[in-house]
């Protein structure tokens, strides 16, 4: 699985270990992995407005697929496990509800 993610997250991202806690399971923790955009990554917008981020996602496709699909599936998977990520959920809604003439 990590090989697939490494392929998907190539091009300016580095992999880091992080501590994860589970709000519904007080005291439980685990080590997780996170990809973080490196300085100078041309694909990272930083603290951009949501519509600007959504426009970039809608217009981006890589060798491993469309970025819209990636964001929508990430939001679905997070909801499935009961995670709360307002940024990802808002972005998924924004990219999934655009009119066809705005899709790239």
PDB file of N, CA and C in Angstrom:
ATOM      1  N   UNK A   1       0.817  -1.193   0.000  1.00  0.00           N
ATOM      2  CA  UNK A   1       0.000   0.000   0.000  1.00  0.00           C
ATOM      3  C   UNK A   1       0.866   1.264   0.000  1.00  0.00           C
ATOM      4  N   UNK A   2       1.941   1.289   0.751  1.00  0.00           N
ATOM      5  CA  UNK A   2       2.770   2.487   0.819  1.00  0.00           C
ATOM      6  C   UNK A   2       3.442   2.765  -0.526  1.00  0.00           C
ATOM      7  N   UNK A   3       3.734   1.727  -1.285  1.00  0.00           N
ATOM      8  CA  UNK A   3       4.327   1.914  -2.610  1.00  0.00           C
ATOM      9  C   UNK A   3       3.358   2.672  -3.512  1.00  0.00           C
ATOM     10  N   UNK A   4       2.075   2.328  -3.438  1.00  0.00           N
ATOM     11  CA  UNK A   4       1.051   3.023  -4.221  1.00  0.00           C
ATOM     12  C   UNK A   4       0.966   4.488  -3.794  1.00  0.00           C
ATOM     13  N   UNK A   5       0.995   4.743  -2.489  1.00  0.00           N
ATOM     14  CA  UNK A   5       0.947   6.119  -2.002  1.00  0.00           C
ATOM     15  C   UNK A   5       2.195   6.898  -2.387  1.00  0.00           C
ATOM     16  N   UNK A   6       3.352   6.271  -2.279  1.00  0.00           N
ATOM     17  CA  UNK A   6       4.593   6.939  -2.684  1.00  0.00           C
ATOM     18  C   UNK A   6       4.520   7.354  -4.156  1.00  0.00           C
ATOM     19  N   UNK A   7       3.934   6.499  -4.989  1.00  0.00           N
ATOM     20  CA  UNK A   7       3.788   6.822  -6.405  1.00  0.00           C
ATOM     21  C   UNK A   7       2.831   7.995  -6.576  1.00  0.00           C
ATOM     22  N   UNK A   8       1.733   7.965  -5.830  1.00  0.00           N
ATOM     23  CA  UNK A   8       0.707   9.007  -5.945  1.00  0.00           C
ATOM     24  C   UNK A   8       1.219  10.353  -5.426  1.00  0.00           C
ATOM     25  N   UNK A   9       2.017  10.334  -4.394  1.00  0.00           N
ATOM     26  CA  UNK A   9       2.456  11.569  -3.731  1.00  0.00           C
ATOM     27  C   UNK A   9       3.834  12.045  -4.167  1.00  0.00           C
ATOM     28  N   UNK A  10       4.298  11.561  -5.300  1.00  0.00           N
ATOM     29  CA  UNK A  10       5.622  11.986  -5.760  1.00  0.00           C
ATOM     30  C   UNK A  10       5.576  13.439  -6.227  1.00  0.00           C
ATOM     31  N   UNK A  11       6.721  14.012  -6.424  1.00  0.00           N
ATOM     32  CA  UNK A  11       6.765  15.346  -6.992  1.00  0.00           C
ATOM     33  C   UNK A  11       6.688  16.455  -5.966  1.00  0.00           C
ATOM     34  N   UNK A  12       7.523  16.398  -4.959  1.00  0.00           N
ATOM     35  CA  UNK A  12       7.576  17.519  -4.035  1.00  0.00           C
ATOM     36  C   UNK A  12       6.980  17.276  -2.672  1.00  0.00           C
ATOM     37  N   UNK A  13       6.825  16.034  -2.289  1.00  0.00           N
ATOM     38  CA  UNK A  13       6.297  15.698  -0.971  1.00  0.00           C
ATOM     39  C   UNK A  13       7.296  14.810  -0.241  1.00  0.00           C
ATOM     40  N   UNK A  14       7.383  14.974   1.073  1.00  0.00           N
ATOM     41  CA  UNK A  14       8.220  14.087   1.869  1.00  0.00           C
ATOM     42  C   UNK A  14       7.341  13.365   2.887  1.00  0.00           C
ATOM     43  N   UNK A  15       7.738  12.177   3.256  1.00  0.00           N
ATOM     44  CA  UNK A  15       6.976  11.320   4.156  1.00  0.00           C
ATOM     45  C   UNK A  15       7.514  11.466   5.576  1.00  0.00           C
ATOM     46  N   UNK A  16       6.598  11.659   6.540  1.00  0.00           N
ATOM     47  CA  UNK A  16       6.978  11.852   7.939  1.00  0.00           C
ATOM     48  C   UNK A  16       6.137  10.970   8.854  1.00  0.00           C
ATOM     49  N   UNK A  17       6.741  10.525   9.957  1.00  0.00           N
ATOM     50  CA  UNK A  17       6.008   9.822  11.014  1.00  0.00           C
ATOM     51  C   UNK A  17       5.302  10.854  11.889  1.00  0.00           C
ATOM     52  N   UNK A  18       4.082  10.542  12.305  1.00  0.00           N
ATOM     53  CA  UNK A  18       3.329  11.421  13.205  1.00  0.00           C
ATOM     54  C   UNK A  18       2.636  10.571  14.269  1.00  0.00           C
ATOM     55  N   UNK A  19       2.415  11.170  15.424  1.00  0.00           N
ATOM     56  CA  UNK A  19       1.633  10.527  16.466  1.00  0.00           C
ATOM     57  C   UNK A  19       0.156  10.813  16.199  1.00  0.00           C
ATOM     58  N   UNK A  20      -0.661   9.791  16.287  1.00  0.00           N
ATOM     59  CA  UNK A  20      -2.098   9.931  16.044  1.00  0.00           C
ATOM     60  C   UNK A  20      -2.833   9.562  17.322  1.00  0.00           C
ATOM     61  N   UNK A  21      -3.803  10.399  17.694  1.00  0.00           N
ATOM     62  CA  UNK A  21      -4.676  10.064  18.815  1.00  0.00           C
ATOM     63  C   UNK A  21      -6.088   9.893  18.284  1.00  0.00           C
ATOM     64  N   UNK A  22      -6.897   9.196  19.030  1.00  0.00           N
ATOM     65  CA  UNK A  22      -8.252   8.864  18.602  1.00  0.00           C
ATOM     66  C   UNK A  22      -9.246   9.430  19.605  1.00  0.00           C
ATOM     67  N   UNK A  23      -9.970  10.480  19.236  1.00  0.00           N
ATOM     68  CA  UNK A  23     -10.855  11.169  20.178  1.00  0.00           C
ATOM     69  C   UNK A  23     -11.898  10.260  20.829  1.00  0.00           C
ATOM     70  N   UNK A  24     -12.372   9.254  20.100  1.00  0.00           N
ATOM     71  CA  UNK A  24     -13.401   8.370  20.643  1.00  0.00           C
ATOM     72  C   UNK A  24     -12.818   7.207  21.447  1.00  0.00           C
ATOM     73  N   UNK A  25     -11.489   7.135  21.488  1.00  0.00           N
ATOM     74  CA  UNK A  25     -10.799   6.083  22.232  1.00  0.00           C
ATOM     75  C   UNK A  25      -9.698   6.742  23.051  1.00  0.00           C
ATOM     76  N   UNK A  26     -10.107   7.409  24.106  1.00  0.00           N
ATOM     77  CA  UNK A  26      -9.182   8.180  24.934  1.00  0.00           C
ATOM     78  C   UNK A  26      -8.011   7.314  25.377  1.00  0.00           C
ATOM     79  N   UNK A  27      -6.830   7.843  25.212  1.00  0.00           N
ATOM     80  CA  UNK A  27      -5.625   7.145  25.626  1.00  0.00           C
ATOM     81  C   UNK A  27      -5.006   6.291  24.541  1.00  0.00           C
ATOM     82  N   UNK A  28      -5.770   5.983  23.495  1.00  0.00           N
ATOM     83  CA  UNK A  28      -5.213   5.184  22.406  1.00  0.00           C
ATOM     84  C   UNK A  28      -4.427   6.094  21.475  1.00  0.00           C
ATOM     85  N   UNK A  29      -3.248   5.632  21.099  1.00  0.00           N
ATOM     86  CA  UNK A  29      -2.414   6.370  20.158  1.00  0.00           C
ATOM     87  C   UNK A  29      -1.755   5.391  19.202  1.00  0.00           C
ATOM     88  N   UNK A  30      -1.320   5.930  18.091  1.00  0.00           N
ATOM     89  CA  UNK A  30      -0.625   5.115  17.090  1.00  0.00           C
ATOM     90  C   UNK A  30       0.367   6.014  16.362  1.00  0.00           C
ATOM     91  N   UNK A  31       1.252   5.386  15.652  1.00  0.00           N
ATOM     92  CA  UNK A  31       2.175   6.109  14.774  1.00  0.00           C
ATOM     93  C   UNK A  31       1.567   6.051  13.374  1.00  0.00           C
ATOM     94  N   UNK A  32       1.520   7.189  12.716  1.00  0.00           N
ATOM     95  CA  UNK A  32       0.988   7.250  11.365  1.00  0.00           C
ATOM     96  C   UNK A  32       1.999   7.875  10.429  1.00  0.00           C
ATOM     97  N   UNK A  33       1.623   7.958   9.179  1.00  0.00           N
ATOM     98  CA  UNK A  33       2.470   8.574   8.160  1.00  0.00           C
ATOM     99  C   UNK A  33       1.707   9.722   7.523  1.00  0.00           C
ATOM    100  N   UNK A  34       2.430  10.785   7.168  1.00  0.00           N
ATOM    101  CA  UNK A  34       1.823  11.931   6.506  1.00  0.00           C
ATOM    102  C   UNK A  34       2.781  12.440   5.433  1.00  0.00           C
ATOM    103  N   UNK A  35       2.229  12.818   4.313  1.00  0.00           N
ATOM    104  CA  UNK A  35       3.008  13.446   3.251  1.00  0.00           C
ATOM    105  C   UNK A  35       2.869  14.957   3.411  1.00  0.00           C
ATOM    106  N   UNK A  36       3.985  15.652   3.376  1.00  0.00           N
ATOM    107  CA  UNK A  36       3.999  17.102   3.527  1.00  0.00           C
ATOM    108  C   UNK A  36       4.697  17.705   2.308  1.00  0.00           C
ATOM    109  N   UNK A  37       4.078  18.756   1.762  1.00  0.00           N
ATOM    110  CA  UNK A  37       4.672  19.432   0.601  1.00  0.00           C
ATOM    111  C   UNK A  37       5.990  20.074   1.015  1.00  0.00           C
ATOM    112  N   UNK A  38       7.007  19.853   0.207  1.00  0.00           N
ATOM    113  CA  UNK A  38       8.317  20.470   0.450  1.00  0.00           C
ATOM    114  C   UNK A  38       8.292  21.928   0.006  1.00  0.00           C
ATOM    115  N   UNK A  39       9.154  22.745   0.599  1.00  0.00           N
ATOM    116  CA  UNK A  39       9.295  24.115   0.135  1.00  0.00           C
ATOM    117  C   UNK A  39       9.654  24.093  -1.344  1.00  0.00           C
ATOM    118  N   UNK A  40       9.053  24.948  -2.097  1.00  0.00           N
ATOM    119  CA  UNK A  40       9.330  24.988  -3.521  1.00  0.00           C
ATOM    120  C   UNK A  40       8.478  24.035  -4.341  1.00  0.00           C
ATOM    121  N   UNK A  41       7.589  23.286  -3.708  1.00  0.00           N
ATOM    122  CA  UNK A  41       6.702  22.395  -4.445  1.00  0.00           C
ATOM    123  C   UNK A  41       5.756  23.260  -5.277  1.00  0.00           C
ATOM    124  N   UNK A  42       5.825  23.152  -6.594  1.00  0.00           N
ATOM    125  CA  UNK A  42       5.004  24.017  -7.442  1.00  0.00           C
ATOM    126  C   UNK A  42       3.508  23.701  -7.371  1.00  0.00           C
ATOM    127  N   UNK A  43       3.145  22.566  -6.786  1.00  0.00           N
ATOM    128  CA  UNK A  43       1.742  22.166  -6.709  1.00  0.00           C
ATOM    129  C   UNK A  43       1.052  22.608  -5.422  1.00  0.00           C
ATOM    130  N   UNK A  44       1.786  23.176  -4.491  1.00  0.00           N
ATOM    131  CA  UNK A  44       1.217  23.564  -3.203  1.00  0.00           C
ATOM    132  C   UNK A  44       0.884  25.041  -3.226  1.00  0.00           C
ATOM    133  N   UNK A  45      -0.374  25.375  -2.972  1.00  0.00           N
ATOM    134  CA  UNK A  45      -0.820  26.768  -2.993  1.00  0.00           C
ATOM    135  C   UNK A  45      -0.654  27.461  -1.652  1.00  0.00           C
ATOM    136  N   UNK A  46      -0.445  26.700  -0.593  1.00  0.00           N
ATOM    137  CA  UNK A  46      -0.353  27.322   0.719  1.00  0.00           C
ATOM    138  C   UNK A  46      -1.725  27.719   1.231  1.00  0.00           C
ATOM    139  N   UNK A  47      -1.792  28.830   1.928  1.00  0.00           N
ATOM    140  CA  UNK A  47      -3.043  29.297   2.532  1.00  0.00           C
ATOM    141  C   UNK A  47      -3.895  30.048   1.507  1.00  0.00           C
ATOM    142  N   UNK A  48      -4.251  29.380   0.436  1.00  0.00           N
ATOM    143  CA  UNK A  48      -5.048  29.984  -0.627  1.00  0.00           C
ATOM    144  C   UNK A  48      -6.536  29.859  -0.299  1.00  0.00           C
ATOM    145  N   UNK A  49      -7.355  30.712  -0.904  1.00  0.00           N
ATOM    146  CA  UNK A  49      -8.808  30.582  -0.744  1.00  0.00           C
ATOM    147  C   UNK A  49      -9.286  29.226  -1.265  1.00  0.00           C
ATOM    148  N   UNK A  50     -10.361  28.704  -0.686  1.00  0.00           N
ATOM    149  CA  UNK A  50     -10.876  27.383  -1.055  1.00  0.00           C
ATOM    150  C   UNK A  50     -11.170  27.281  -2.549  1.00  0.00           C
ATOM    151  N   UNK A  51     -11.747  28.301  -3.142  1.00  0.00           N
ATOM    152  CA  UNK A  51     -12.074  28.230  -4.566  1.00  0.00           C
ATOM    153  C   UNK A  51     -10.814  28.114  -5.426  1.00  0.00           C
ATOM    154  N   UNK A  52      -9.733  28.749  -5.016  1.00  0.00           N
ATOM    155  CA  UNK A  52      -8.465  28.643  -5.752  1.00  0.00           C
ATOM    156  C   UNK A  52      -7.891  27.228  -5.636  1.00  0.00           C
ATOM    157  N   UNK A  53      -7.973  26.661  -4.437  1.00  0.00           N
ATOM    158  CA  UNK A  53      -7.506  25.278  -4.244  1.00  0.00           C
ATOM    159  C   UNK A  53      -8.360  24.329  -5.079  1.00  0.00           C
ATOM    160  N   UNK A  54      -9.685  24.525  -5.045  1.00  0.00           N
ATOM    161  CA  UNK A  54     -10.592  23.657  -5.806  1.00  0.00           C
ATOM    162  C   UNK A  54     -10.323  23.766  -7.299  1.00  0.00           C
ATOM    163  N   UNK A  55     -10.057  24.970  -7.794  1.00  0.00           N
ATOM    164  CA  UNK A  55      -9.767  25.142  -9.217  1.00  0.00           C
ATOM    165  C   UNK A  55      -8.497  24.382  -9.600  1.00  0.00           C
ATOM    166  N   UNK A  56      -7.493  24.411  -8.730  1.00  0.00           N
ATOM    167  CA  UNK A  56      -6.265  23.666  -9.015  1.00  0.00           C
ATOM    168  C   UNK A  56      -6.537  22.169  -9.031  1.00  0.00           C
ATOM    169  N   UNK A  57      -7.316  21.691  -8.074  1.00  0.00           N
ATOM    170  CA  UNK A  57      -7.648  20.263  -8.019  1.00  0.00           C
ATOM    171  C   UNK A  57      -8.414  19.856  -9.272  1.00  0.00           C
ATOM    172  N   UNK A  58      -9.413  20.655  -9.659  1.00  0.00           N
ATOM    173  CA  UNK A  58     -10.204  20.327 -10.849  1.00  0.00           C
ATOM    174  C   UNK A  58      -9.345  20.276 -12.105  1.00  0.00           C
ATOM    175  N   UNK A  59      -8.309  21.081 -12.173  1.00  0.00           N
ATOM    176  CA  UNK A  59      -7.476  21.151 -13.364  1.00  0.00           C
ATOM    177  C   UNK A  59      -6.268  20.245 -13.346  1.00  0.00           C
ATOM    178  N   UNK A  60      -6.137  19.411 -12.331  1.00  0.00           N
ATOM    179  CA  UNK A  60      -4.923  18.595 -12.196  1.00  0.00           C
ATOM    180  C   UNK A  60      -5.209  17.113 -12.376  1.00  0.00           C
ATOM    181  N   UNK A  61      -4.387  16.516 -13.204  1.00  0.00           N
ATOM    182  CA  UNK A  61      -4.417  15.065 -13.420  1.00  0.00           C
ATOM    183  C   UNK A  61      -2.979  14.599 -13.509  1.00  0.00           C
ATOM    184  N   UNK A  62      -2.688  13.525 -12.831  1.00  0.00           N
ATOM    185  CA  UNK A  62      -1.345  12.971 -12.873  1.00  0.00           C
ATOM    186  C   UNK A  62      -1.371  11.574 -13.445  1.00  0.00           C
ATOM    187  N   UNK A  63      -0.223  10.934 -13.489  1.00  0.00           N
ATOM    188  CA  UNK A  63      -0.158   9.580 -14.047  1.00  0.00           C
ATOM    189  C   UNK A  63      -0.959   8.564 -13.235  1.00  0.00           C
ATOM    190  N   UNK A  64      -1.309   8.914 -12.008  1.00  0.00           N
ATOM    191  CA  UNK A  64      -2.079   7.977 -11.196  1.00  0.00           C
ATOM    192  C   UNK A  64      -3.552   8.355 -11.082  1.00  0.00           C
ATOM    193  N   UNK A  65      -3.986   9.349 -11.829  1.00  0.00           N
ATOM    194  CA  UNK A  65      -5.411   9.650 -11.838  1.00  0.00           C
ATOM    195  C   UNK A  65      -5.745  11.119 -11.679  1.00  0.00           C
ATOM    196  N   UNK A  66      -7.050  11.396 -11.699  1.00  0.00           N
ATOM    197  CA  UNK A  66      -7.564  12.756 -11.551  1.00  0.00           C
ATOM    198  C   UNK A  66      -7.536  13.166 -10.080  1.00  0.00           C
ATOM    199  N   UNK A  67      -7.169  14.390  -9.833  1.00  0.00           N
ATOM    200  CA  UNK A  67      -7.103  14.877  -8.454  1.00  0.00           C
ATOM    201  C   UNK A  67      -8.490  15.029  -7.841  1.00  0.00           C
ATOM    202  N   UNK A  68      -9.505  15.306  -8.651  1.00  0.00           N
ATOM    203  CA  UNK A  68     -10.873  15.384  -8.128  1.00  0.00           C
ATOM    204  C   UNK A  68     -11.241  14.049  -7.487  1.00  0.00           C
ATOM    205  N   UNK A  69     -10.961  12.969  -8.181  1.00  0.00           N
ATOM    206  CA  UNK A  69     -11.276  11.641  -7.652  1.00  0.00           C
ATOM    207  C   UNK A  69     -10.521  11.389  -6.344  1.00  0.00           C
ATOM    208  N   UNK A  70      -9.263  11.794  -6.302  1.00  0.00           N
ATOM    209  CA  UNK A  70      -8.441  11.607  -5.104  1.00  0.00           C
ATOM    210  C   UNK A  70      -9.069  12.311  -3.900  1.00  0.00           C
ATOM    211  N   UNK A  71      -9.470  13.572  -4.075  1.00  0.00           N
ATOM    212  CA  UNK A  71     -10.039  14.353  -2.969  1.00  0.00           C
ATOM    213  C   UNK A  71     -11.387  13.774  -2.539  1.00  0.00           C
ATOM    214  N   UNK A  72     -12.237  13.437  -3.493  1.00  0.00           N
ATOM    215  CA  UNK A  72     -13.556  12.893  -3.179  1.00  0.00           C
ATOM    216  C   UNK A  72     -13.424  11.556  -2.446  1.00  0.00           C
ATOM    217  N   UNK A  73     -12.508  10.716  -2.902  1.00  0.00           N
ATOM    218  CA  UNK A  73     -12.311   9.412  -2.253  1.00  0.00           C
ATOM    219  C   UNK A  73     -11.675   9.562  -0.867  1.00  0.00           C
ATOM    220  N   UNK A  74     -10.784  10.534  -0.709  1.00  0.00           N
ATOM    221  CA  UNK A  74     -10.205  10.802   0.611  1.00  0.00           C
ATOM    222  C   UNK A  74     -11.294  11.209   1.592  1.00  0.00           C
ATOM    223  N   UNK A  75     -12.177  12.106   1.172  1.00  0.00           N
ATOM    224  CA  UNK A  75     -13.277  12.539   2.042  1.00  0.00           C
ATOM    225  C   UNK A  75     -14.189  11.360   2.394  1.00  0.00           C
ATOM    226  N   UNK A  76     -14.487  10.522   1.415  1.00  0.00           N
ATOM    227  CA  UNK A  76     -15.335   9.349   1.666  1.00  0.00           C
ATOM    228  C   UNK A  76     -14.689   8.424   2.691  1.00  0.00           C
ATOM    229  N   UNK A  77     -13.387   8.169   2.516  1.00  0.00           N
ATOM    230  CA  UNK A  77     -12.675   7.273   3.434  1.00  0.00           C
ATOM    231  C   UNK A  77     -12.618   7.869   4.842  1.00  0.00           C
ATOM    232  N   UNK A  78     -12.408   9.158   4.955  1.00  0.00           N
ATOM    233  CA  UNK A  78     -12.377   9.799   6.278  1.00  0.00           C
ATOM    234  C   UNK A  78     -13.732   9.696   6.962  1.00  0.00           C
ATOM    235  N   UNK A  79     -14.800   9.925   6.218  1.00  0.00           N
ATOM    236  CA  UNK A  79     -16.148   9.801   6.799  1.00  0.00           C
ATOM    237  C   UNK A  79     -16.404   8.364   7.246  1.00  0.00           C
ATOM    238  N   UNK A  80     -15.951   7.416   6.429  1.00  0.00           N
ATOM    239  CA  UNK A  80     -16.146   5.997   6.732  1.00  0.00           C
ATOM    240  C   UNK A  80     -15.531   5.596   8.071  1.00  0.00           C
ATOM    241  N   UNK A  81     -14.386   6.188   8.404  1.00  0.00           N
ATOM    242  CA  UNK A  81     -13.736   5.839   9.666  1.00  0.00           C
ATOM    243  C   UNK A  81     -14.124   6.789  10.800  1.00  0.00           C
ATOM    244  N   UNK A  82     -15.037   7.721  10.512  1.00  0.00           N
ATOM    245  CA  UNK A  82     -15.510   8.632  11.549  1.00  0.00           C
ATOM    246  C   UNK A  82     -14.580   9.789  11.833  1.00  0.00           C
ATOM    247  N   UNK A  83     -13.669  10.069  10.917  1.00  0.00           N
ATOM    248  CA  UNK A  83     -12.740  11.187  11.102  1.00  0.00           C
ATOM    249  C   UNK A  83     -13.435  12.494  10.732  1.00  0.00           C
ATOM    250  N   UNK A  84     -12.977  13.581  11.314  1.00  0.00           N
ATOM    251  CA  UNK A  84     -13.539  14.895  11.047  1.00  0.00           C
ATOM    252  C   UNK A  84     -12.448  15.792  10.486  1.00  0.00           C
ATOM    253  N   UNK A  85     -12.537  16.109   9.208  1.00  0.00           N
ATOM    254  CA  UNK A  85     -11.566  16.990   8.568  1.00  0.00           C
ATOM    255  C   UNK A  85     -12.335  18.011   7.735  1.00  0.00           C
ATOM    256  N   UNK A  86     -12.754  19.120   8.366  1.00  0.00           N
ATOM    257  CA  UNK A  86     -13.573  20.107   7.667  1.00  0.00           C
ATOM    258  C   UNK A  86     -12.953  20.621   6.371  1.00  0.00           C
ATOM    259  N   UNK A  87     -11.634  20.779   6.336  1.00  0.00           N
ATOM    260  CA  UNK A  87     -10.972  21.279   5.125  1.00  0.00           C
ATOM    261  C   UNK A  87     -11.146  20.291   3.972  1.00  0.00           C
ATOM    262  N   UNK A  88     -10.869  19.024   4.213  1.00  0.00           N
ATOM    263  CA  UNK A  88     -11.007  18.017   3.161  1.00  0.00           C
ATOM    264  C   UNK A  88     -12.470  17.895   2.745  1.00  0.00           C
ATOM    265  N   UNK A  89     -13.398  17.902   3.712  1.00  0.00           N
ATOM    266  CA  UNK A  89     -14.816  17.763   3.383  1.00  0.00           C
ATOM    267  C   UNK A  89     -15.309  18.944   2.546  1.00  0.00           C
ATOM    268  N   UNK A  90     -14.899  20.150   2.894  1.00  0.00           N
ATOM    269  CA  UNK A  90     -15.307  21.329   2.136  1.00  0.00           C
ATOM    270  C   UNK A  90     -14.717  21.289   0.727  1.00  0.00           C
ATOM    271  N   UNK A  91     -13.459  20.906   0.622  1.00  0.00           N
ATOM    272  CA  UNK A  91     -12.809  20.826  -0.683  1.00  0.00           C
ATOM    273  C   UNK A  91     -13.488  19.770  -1.552  1.00  0.00           C
ATOM    274  N   UNK A  92     -13.784  18.620  -0.995  1.00  0.00           N
ATOM    275  CA  UNK A  92     -14.448  17.556  -1.756  1.00  0.00           C
ATOM    276  C   UNK A  92     -15.808  18.017  -2.255  1.00  0.00           C
ATOM    277  N   UNK A  93     -16.544  18.702  -1.418  1.00  0.00           N
ATOM    278  CA  UNK A  93     -17.846  19.214  -1.828  1.00  0.00           C
ATOM    279  C   UNK A  93     -17.688  20.243  -2.948  1.00  0.00           C
ATOM    280  N   UNK A  94     -16.716  21.090  -2.813  1.00  0.00           N
ATOM    281  CA  UNK A  94     -16.474  22.143  -3.804  1.00  0.00           C
ATOM    282  C   UNK A  94     -16.078  21.558  -5.157  1.00  0.00           C
ATOM    283  N   UNK A  95     -15.191  20.578  -5.185  1.00  0.00           N
ATOM    284  CA  UNK A  95     -14.742  20.028  -6.470  1.00  0.00           C
ATOM    285  C   UNK A  95     -15.773  19.085  -7.077  1.00  0.00           C
ATOM    286  N   UNK A  96     -16.621  18.487  -6.251  1.00  0.00           N
ATOM    287  CA  UNK A  96     -17.591  17.513  -6.749  1.00  0.00           C
ATOM    288  C   UNK A  96     -18.886  18.159  -7.231  1.00  0.00           C
ATOM    289  N   UNK A  97     -19.124  19.419  -6.886  1.00  0.00           N
ATOM    290  CA  UNK A  97     -20.395  20.040  -7.220  1.00  0.00           C
ATOM    291  C   UNK A  97     -20.262  21.145  -8.249  1.00  0.00           C
ATOM    292  N   UNK A  98     -19.164  21.165  -8.994  1.00  0.00           N
ATOM    293  CA  UNK A  98     -18.987  22.214 -10.007  1.00  0.00           C
ATOM    294  C   UNK A  98     -19.810  21.874 -11.234  1.00  0.00           C
ATOM    295  N   UNK A  99     -20.154  22.894 -11.973  1.00  0.00           N
ATOM    296  CA  UNK A  99     -20.890  22.664 -13.225  1.00  0.00           C
ATOM    297  C   UNK A  99     -19.927  22.058 -14.248  1.00  0.00           C
ATOM    298  N   UNK A 100     -20.435  21.250 -15.174  1.00  0.00           N
ATOM    299  CA  UNK A 100     -19.574  20.579 -16.155  1.00  0.00           C
ATOM    300  C   UNK A 100     -18.700  21.539 -16.959  1.00  0.00           C
ATOM    301  N   UNK A 101     -19.178  22.764 -17.221  1.00  0.00           N
ATOM    302  CA  UNK A 101     -18.385  23.699 -18.012  1.00  0.00           C
ATOM    303  C   UNK A 101     -17.178  24.231 -17.256  1.00  0.00           C
ATOM    304  N   UNK A 102     -17.098  23.992 -15.915  1.00  0.00           N
ATOM    305  CA  UNK A 102     -15.961  24.452 -15.125  1.00  0.00           C
ATOM    306  C   UNK A 102     -14.955  23.356 -14.881  1.00  0.00           C
ATOM    307  N   UNK A 103     -15.295  22.114 -15.226  1.00  0.00           N
ATOM    308  CA  UNK A 103     -14.359  21.010 -14.993  1.00  0.00           C
ATOM    309  C   UNK A 103     -13.263  21.032 -16.039  1.00  0.00           C
ATOM    310  N   UNK A 104     -12.075  20.608 -15.592  1.00  0.00           N
ATOM    311  CA  UNK A 104     -10.943  20.545 -16.520  1.00  0.00           C
ATOM    312  C   UNK A 104     -10.887  19.188 -17.168  1.00  0.00           C
TER     313      UNK A 104
END
